[in-house]
């Protein structure tokens, strides 16, 4: 154990530099990993937003079609209601 401590005392600058290099390397690796995860999440987010947009447009087309049908039925029912009560003139 004393031999290891003596060796570290003799080369403390070298060991400090090695520790610094390893620490910086680990920090760079974590930074790259975070950057890659963020990039993947952005790609997924764009895909989700694209799908939501497509679904919204499809739903809008369906809504307009159904609204047109309901509006036609409403107008027909108003016309039919105007005929009541049924009299000779109607």
N, C-alpha and C. Protein backbone atom coordinates (compact mmCIF):
# COMPACT_ATOMS: atom_id res chain seq x y z
N UNK A 1 0.82 -1.19 0.00
CA UNK A 1 0.00 0.00 0.00
C UNK A 1 0.88 1.27 0.00
N UNK A 2 1.93 1.20 0.79
CA UNK A 2 2.84 2.35 0.85
C UNK A 2 3.50 2.59 -0.50
N UNK A 3 3.76 1.51 -1.20
CA UNK A 3 4.39 1.63 -2.51
C UNK A 3 3.46 2.37 -3.49
N UNK A 4 2.15 2.07 -3.42
CA UNK A 4 1.17 2.74 -4.29
C UNK A 4 1.09 4.21 -3.95
N UNK A 5 1.06 4.52 -2.67
CA UNK A 5 0.99 5.92 -2.24
C UNK A 5 2.24 6.68 -2.69
N UNK A 6 3.40 6.07 -2.55
CA UNK A 6 4.64 6.70 -2.99
C UNK A 6 4.63 6.92 -4.50
N UNK A 7 4.11 5.95 -5.23
CA UNK A 7 4.03 6.08 -6.70
C UNK A 7 3.10 7.23 -7.08
N UNK A 8 1.97 7.34 -6.37
CA UNK A 8 1.04 8.43 -6.65
C UNK A 8 1.65 9.78 -6.30
N UNK A 9 2.40 9.83 -5.23
CA UNK A 9 3.05 11.09 -4.85
C UNK A 9 4.06 11.54 -5.90
N UNK A 10 4.76 10.57 -6.46
CA UNK A 10 5.78 10.91 -7.46
C UNK A 10 5.15 11.41 -8.76
N UNK A 11 4.02 10.85 -9.15
CA UNK A 11 3.41 11.18 -10.45
C UNK A 11 2.03 11.83 -10.29
N UNK A 12 1.85 12.67 -9.29
CA UNK A 12 0.52 13.23 -9.01
C UNK A 12 0.01 14.09 -10.16
N UNK A 13 0.87 14.79 -10.87
CA UNK A 13 0.42 15.63 -12.00
C UNK A 13 -0.10 14.72 -13.12
N UNK A 14 0.64 13.68 -13.40
CA UNK A 14 0.21 12.75 -14.46
C UNK A 14 -1.11 12.09 -14.10
N UNK A 15 -1.26 11.64 -12.86
CA UNK A 15 -2.50 10.96 -12.43
C UNK A 15 -3.68 11.95 -12.39
N UNK A 16 -3.39 13.17 -11.98
CA UNK A 16 -4.43 14.20 -11.98
C UNK A 16 -4.92 14.48 -13.40
N UNK A 17 -3.96 14.55 -14.33
CA UNK A 17 -4.32 14.79 -15.73
C UNK A 17 -5.12 13.61 -16.29
N UNK A 18 -4.73 12.40 -15.96
CA UNK A 18 -5.48 11.22 -16.41
C UNK A 18 -6.89 11.23 -15.85
N UNK A 19 -7.02 11.58 -14.58
CA UNK A 19 -8.35 11.66 -13.96
C UNK A 19 -9.20 12.72 -14.64
N UNK A 20 -8.58 13.85 -14.95
CA UNK A 20 -9.29 14.93 -15.64
C UNK A 20 -9.74 14.48 -17.03
N UNK A 21 -8.87 13.79 -17.75
CA UNK A 21 -9.22 13.31 -19.09
C UNK A 21 -10.37 12.31 -19.02
N UNK A 22 -10.33 11.39 -18.07
CA UNK A 22 -11.41 10.40 -17.93
C UNK A 22 -12.72 11.10 -17.56
N UNK A 23 -12.65 12.07 -16.64
CA UNK A 23 -13.85 12.81 -16.23
C UNK A 23 -14.45 13.58 -17.40
N UNK A 24 -13.61 14.26 -18.15
CA UNK A 24 -14.09 15.02 -19.32
C UNK A 24 -14.67 14.06 -20.35
N UNK A 25 -14.02 12.92 -20.56
CA UNK A 25 -14.54 11.92 -21.51
C UNK A 25 -15.91 11.41 -21.12
N UNK A 26 -16.10 11.14 -19.83
CA UNK A 26 -17.41 10.68 -19.37
C UNK A 26 -18.45 11.78 -19.55
N UNK A 27 -18.10 13.02 -19.25
CA UNK A 27 -19.05 14.12 -19.42
C UNK A 27 -19.41 14.30 -20.89
N UNK A 28 -18.45 14.17 -21.77
CA UNK A 28 -18.72 14.29 -23.21
C UNK A 28 -19.64 13.15 -23.65
N UNK A 29 -19.39 11.94 -23.14
CA UNK A 29 -20.23 10.80 -23.50
C UNK A 29 -21.67 11.02 -23.04
N UNK A 30 -21.85 11.52 -21.82
CA UNK A 30 -23.21 11.81 -21.35
C UNK A 30 -23.86 12.91 -22.20
N UNK A 31 -23.07 13.92 -22.55
CA UNK A 31 -23.61 15.00 -23.39
C UNK A 31 -24.05 14.49 -24.75
N UNK A 32 -23.23 13.63 -25.36
CA UNK A 32 -23.59 13.06 -26.65
C UNK A 32 -24.83 12.17 -26.54
N UNK A 33 -24.91 11.42 -25.46
CA UNK A 33 -26.08 10.57 -25.26
C UNK A 33 -27.35 11.41 -25.11
N UNK A 34 -27.27 12.48 -24.33
CA UNK A 34 -28.43 13.37 -24.17
C UNK A 34 -28.81 14.02 -25.50
N UNK A 35 -27.82 14.44 -26.27
CA UNK A 35 -28.09 15.06 -27.57
C UNK A 35 -28.79 14.06 -28.48
N UNK A 36 -28.31 12.82 -28.51
CA UNK A 36 -28.91 11.79 -29.36
C UNK A 36 -30.34 11.48 -28.92
N UNK A 37 -30.57 11.38 -27.61
CA UNK A 37 -31.93 11.12 -27.11
C UNK A 37 -32.86 12.28 -27.49
N UNK A 38 -32.40 13.51 -27.35
CA UNK A 38 -33.22 14.67 -27.72
C UNK A 38 -33.55 14.65 -29.21
N UNK A 39 -32.57 14.27 -30.03
CA UNK A 39 -32.80 14.20 -31.47
C UNK A 39 -33.84 13.14 -31.79
N UNK A 40 -33.75 11.98 -31.16
CA UNK A 40 -34.74 10.92 -31.37
C UNK A 40 -36.13 11.38 -30.93
N UNK A 41 -36.19 12.07 -29.78
CA UNK A 41 -37.48 12.56 -29.29
C UNK A 41 -38.08 13.59 -30.24
N UNK A 42 -37.24 14.43 -30.84
CA UNK A 42 -37.75 15.42 -31.79
C UNK A 42 -38.31 14.75 -33.04
N UNK A 43 -37.65 13.69 -33.50
CA UNK A 43 -38.16 12.96 -34.66
C UNK A 43 -39.51 12.33 -34.33
N UNK A 44 -39.62 11.72 -33.14
CA UNK A 44 -40.90 11.14 -32.72
C UNK A 44 -41.97 12.21 -32.61
N UNK A 45 -41.61 13.35 -32.02
CA UNK A 45 -42.57 14.44 -31.84
C UNK A 45 -43.09 14.94 -33.20
N UNK A 46 -42.19 15.10 -34.16
CA UNK A 46 -42.62 15.54 -35.49
C UNK A 46 -43.57 14.52 -36.12
N UNK A 47 -43.29 13.24 -35.93
CA UNK A 47 -44.17 12.19 -36.45
C UNK A 47 -45.54 12.25 -35.80
N UNK A 48 -45.56 12.42 -34.46
CA UNK A 48 -46.83 12.51 -33.75
C UNK A 48 -47.63 13.72 -34.22
N UNK A 49 -46.96 14.86 -34.35
CA UNK A 49 -47.66 16.08 -34.78
C UNK A 49 -48.18 15.94 -36.21
N UNK A 50 -47.41 15.27 -37.06
CA UNK A 50 -47.86 15.05 -38.44
C UNK A 50 -49.12 14.18 -38.44
N UNK A 51 -49.11 13.11 -37.63
CA UNK A 51 -50.28 12.23 -37.55
C UNK A 51 -51.49 12.95 -36.97
N UNK A 52 -51.27 13.79 -35.96
CA UNK A 52 -52.37 14.56 -35.38
C UNK A 52 -52.96 15.49 -36.43
N UNK A 53 -52.10 16.14 -37.22
CA UNK A 53 -52.57 17.05 -38.26
C UNK A 53 -53.40 16.31 -39.31
N UNK A 54 -52.91 15.14 -39.73
CA UNK A 54 -53.66 14.35 -40.71
C UNK A 54 -55.01 13.92 -40.14
N UNK A 55 -55.00 13.47 -38.88
CA UNK A 55 -56.26 13.05 -38.25
C UNK A 55 -57.22 14.23 -38.12
N UNK A 56 -56.70 15.40 -37.76
CA UNK A 56 -57.54 16.58 -37.63
C UNK A 56 -58.20 16.93 -38.96
N UNK A 57 -57.42 16.90 -40.04
CA UNK A 57 -57.98 17.23 -41.36
C UNK A 57 -59.04 16.21 -41.76
N UNK A 58 -58.80 14.93 -41.49
CA UNK A 58 -59.78 13.90 -41.80
C UNK A 58 -61.05 14.11 -40.98
N UNK A 59 -60.89 14.40 -39.69
CA UNK A 59 -62.05 14.65 -38.84
C UNK A 59 -62.83 15.87 -39.30
N UNK A 60 -62.13 16.90 -39.77
CA UNK A 60 -62.81 18.10 -40.25
C UNK A 60 -63.66 17.78 -41.48
N UNK A 61 -63.11 16.97 -42.39
CA UNK A 61 -63.86 16.59 -43.59
C UNK A 61 -65.11 15.80 -43.19
N UNK A 62 -64.96 14.86 -42.26
CA UNK A 62 -66.11 14.07 -41.79
C UNK A 62 -67.13 14.96 -41.09
N UNK A 63 -66.65 15.92 -40.29
CA UNK A 63 -67.56 16.82 -39.59
C UNK A 63 -68.37 17.66 -40.57
N UNK A 64 -67.70 18.21 -41.58
CA UNK A 64 -68.40 19.04 -42.57
C UNK A 64 -69.45 18.20 -43.30
N UNK A 65 -69.10 16.97 -43.66
CA UNK A 65 -70.06 16.11 -44.36
C UNK A 65 -71.27 15.81 -43.47
N UNK A 66 -71.03 15.46 -42.23
CA UNK A 66 -72.15 15.17 -41.32
C UNK A 66 -72.97 16.42 -41.01
N UNK A 67 -72.27 17.55 -40.87
CA UNK A 67 -72.99 18.79 -40.59
C UNK A 67 -73.90 19.15 -41.77
N UNK A 68 -73.42 18.94 -42.97
CA UNK A 68 -74.24 19.21 -44.16
C UNK A 68 -75.48 18.33 -44.16
N UNK A 69 -75.31 17.05 -43.84
CA UNK A 69 -76.46 16.13 -43.79
C UNK A 69 -77.43 16.57 -42.70
N UNK A 70 -76.92 16.89 -41.52
CA UNK A 70 -77.80 17.31 -40.42
C UNK A 70 -78.51 18.63 -40.76
N UNK A 71 -77.80 19.53 -41.41
CA UNK A 71 -78.41 20.80 -41.80
C UNK A 71 -79.54 20.56 -42.80
N UNK A 72 -79.33 19.65 -43.75
CA UNK A 72 -80.37 19.31 -44.72
C UNK A 72 -81.58 18.70 -44.03
N UNK A 73 -81.33 17.79 -43.10
CA UNK A 73 -82.43 17.16 -42.36
C UNK A 73 -83.16 18.21 -41.53
N UNK A 74 -82.44 19.13 -40.91
CA UNK A 74 -83.06 20.19 -40.12
C UNK A 74 -83.96 21.06 -40.99
N UNK A 75 -83.48 21.44 -42.16
CA UNK A 75 -84.29 22.27 -43.06
C UNK A 75 -85.54 21.51 -43.52
N UNK A 76 -85.37 20.21 -43.80
CA UNK A 76 -86.53 19.42 -44.22
C UNK A 76 -87.55 19.30 -43.09
N UNK A 77 -87.08 19.13 -41.87
CA UNK A 77 -88.00 19.03 -40.74
C UNK A 77 -88.70 20.36 -40.48
N UNK A 78 -88.01 21.47 -40.68
CA UNK A 78 -88.64 22.79 -40.52
C UNK A 78 -89.72 22.98 -41.58
N UNK A 79 -89.41 22.55 -42.80
CA UNK A 79 -90.40 22.65 -43.87
C UNK A 79 -91.61 21.78 -43.56
N UNK A 80 -91.35 20.56 -43.06
CA UNK A 80 -92.45 19.67 -42.74
C UNK A 80 -93.27 20.23 -41.58
N UNK A 81 -92.61 20.82 -40.60
CA UNK A 81 -93.31 21.38 -39.46
C UNK A 81 -94.17 22.57 -39.87
N UNK A 82 -93.75 23.30 -40.88
CA UNK A 82 -94.54 24.44 -41.33
C UNK A 82 -95.86 23.99 -41.97
N UNK A 83 -95.95 22.74 -42.34
CA UNK A 83 -97.18 22.22 -42.95
C UNK A 83 -98.23 21.85 -41.89
N UNK A 84 -97.86 21.80 -40.63
CA UNK A 84 -98.80 21.44 -39.56
C UNK A 84 -99.40 22.69 -38.97
N UNK A 85 -100.55 22.66 -38.49
CA UNK A 85 -101.54 21.58 -38.64
C UNK A 85 -101.97 21.46 -40.10
N UNK A 86 -102.28 20.26 -40.48
CA UNK A 86 -102.68 20.02 -41.86
C UNK A 86 -104.09 20.57 -42.05
N UNK A 87 -104.17 21.45 -43.02
CA UNK A 87 -105.47 22.01 -43.38
C UNK A 87 -105.68 21.82 -44.86
N UNK A 88 -106.79 22.27 -45.34
CA UNK A 88 -107.10 22.13 -46.76
C UNK A 88 -106.12 22.95 -47.59
N UNK A 89 -105.71 24.12 -47.07
CA UNK A 89 -104.81 24.99 -47.82
C UNK A 89 -103.43 24.38 -47.96
N UNK A 90 -102.97 23.59 -46.97
CA UNK A 90 -101.62 23.01 -47.00
C UNK A 90 -101.61 21.81 -47.90
